[in-house]
Amino acid sequence: MSDTQCYYGQMRGRARQLVSKLDDAMNDLVLVEAAVEEVLRADMDNPGELSTTDGADLRQFLDSAQLAVRAAERIANEHVRDVERAMQRLGLMPEKVSA
């Protein structure tokens, strides 16, 4: 295996790992969203319950985090495609067959 092929193979592996980790992060944020909804179900103004304002802030911060992770996923996926296109141009991997 050439040094170039090894380099691009490592770069592709790292890029794919990033995509996978971002996907895991989004899945975790979905679980956090469900947990937030469970916490917000208490609505009797008992001591220790989350205030309406804090609940709204929590939802907004979670929405912002999900938006940021989705944007990061788009960037990471495009990077994977860029690396794979470069590998194809260099003849390091076969061209994808269109169906």
Protein backbone atom coordinates (compact mmCIF):
# COMPACT_ATOMS: atom_id res chain seq x y z
CA MET A 1 0.00 0.00 0.00
CA SER A 2 1.42 3.40 -0.98
CA ASP A 3 1.95 6.21 1.50
CA THR A 4 -0.67 8.27 -0.35
CA GLN A 5 -3.23 5.48 -0.16
CA CYS A 6 -2.48 4.98 3.54
CA TYR A 7 -2.79 8.73 4.19
CA TYR A 8 -6.12 9.05 2.40
CA GLY A 9 -7.38 5.86 4.01
CA GLN A 10 -6.63 7.30 7.45
CA MET A 11 -8.19 10.64 6.55
CA ARG A 12 -11.33 8.88 5.28
CA GLY A 13 -11.53 6.73 8.42
CA ARG A 14 -11.22 9.76 10.69
CA ALA A 15 -13.84 11.67 8.70
CA ARG A 16 -16.26 8.76 8.91
CA GLN A 17 -15.59 8.40 12.64
CA LEU A 18 -16.47 12.08 13.09
CA VAL A 19 -19.76 11.55 11.25
CA SER A 20 -20.49 8.57 13.47
CA LYS A 21 -19.71 10.50 16.67
CA LEU A 22 -21.91 13.41 15.57
CA ASP A 23 -24.71 10.95 14.83
CA ASP A 24 -24.26 9.51 18.32
CA ALA A 25 -24.39 13.03 19.77
CA MET A 26 -27.65 13.74 17.95
CA ASN A 27 -29.14 10.49 19.21
CA ASP A 28 -28.10 11.45 22.74
CA LEU A 29 -29.67 14.89 22.33
CA VAL A 30 -32.94 13.23 21.31
CA LEU A 31 -32.78 11.19 24.53
CA VAL A 32 -32.07 14.36 26.50
CA GLU A 33 -35.07 15.99 24.83
CA ALA A 34 -37.28 13.13 26.06
CA ALA A 35 -35.82 13.48 29.56
CA VAL A 36 -36.52 17.23 29.52
CA GLU A 37 -40.12 16.57 28.55
CA GLU A 38 -40.43 14.13 31.46
CA VAL A 39 -39.08 16.75 33.87
CA LEU A 40 -41.45 19.38 32.49
CA ARG A 41 -44.54 17.20 33.01
CA ALA A 42 -44.66 18.27 36.65
CA ASP A 43 -46.82 21.37 36.50
CA MET A 44 -48.28 21.92 39.93
CA ASP A 45 -45.87 24.68 41.10
CA ASN A 46 -44.53 22.54 43.87
CA PRO A 47 -41.18 23.47 45.40
CA GLY A 48 -38.31 22.02 43.38
CA GLU A 49 -40.20 21.93 40.08
CA LEU A 50 -38.70 23.66 37.08
CA SER A 51 -40.14 27.11 36.46
CA THR A 52 -41.88 27.86 33.19
CA THR A 53 -39.09 30.24 32.22
CA ASP A 54 -36.36 27.71 33.02
CA GLY A 55 -38.26 25.04 31.10
CA ALA A 56 -38.54 27.28 28.06
CA ASP A 57 -34.85 28.17 28.30
CA LEU A 58 -33.93 24.51 28.58
CA ARG A 59 -35.94 23.67 25.47
CA GLN A 60 -34.41 26.59 23.57
CA PHE A 61 -30.85 25.59 24.52
CA LEU A 62 -31.55 22.00 23.53
CA ASP A 63 -32.99 23.13 20.18
CA SER A 64 -29.87 25.25 19.62
CA ALA A 65 -27.63 22.29 20.43
CA GLN A 66 -29.53 20.07 17.99
CA LEU A 67 -29.30 22.72 15.28
CA ALA A 68 -25.55 23.03 15.84
CA VAL A 69 -25.03 19.25 15.69
CA ARG A 70 -27.09 19.00 12.47
CA ALA A 71 -24.93 21.75 10.93
CA ALA A 72 -21.78 19.95 12.05
CA GLU A 73 -23.13 16.70 10.55
CA ARG A 74 -23.62 18.41 7.19
CA ILE A 75 -20.05 19.70 7.23
CA ALA A 76 -18.64 16.33 8.29
CA ASN A 77 -20.63 14.45 5.63
CA GLU A 78 -19.41 16.84 2.95
CA HIS A 79 -15.85 16.30 4.14
CA VAL A 80 -16.27 12.53 3.76
CA ARG A 81 -17.56 13.06 0.23
CA ASP A 82 -14.62 15.39 -0.56
CA VAL A 83 -12.09 12.82 0.67
CA GLU A 84 -13.77 10.03 -1.30
CA ARG A 85 -13.85 12.15 -4.47
CA ALA A 86 -10.16 12.90 -4.04
CA MET A 87 -9.46 9.19 -3.57
CA GLN A 88 -11.40 8.39 -6.74
CA ARG A 89 -9.50 11.03 -8.73
CA LEU A 90 -6.23 9.55 -7.52
CA GLY A 91 -7.39 6.03 -8.38
CA LEU A 92 -7.28 4.93 -4.73
CA MET A 93 -10.86 3.68 -4.71
CA PRO A 94 -13.26 2.60 -7.43
CA GLU A 95 -15.80 5.03 -8.86
CA LYS A 96 -19.28 4.62 -7.42
CA VAL A 97 -21.69 2.89 -9.76
CA SER A 98 -24.91 4.84 -10.36
CA ALA A 99 -28.13 2.87 -10.33
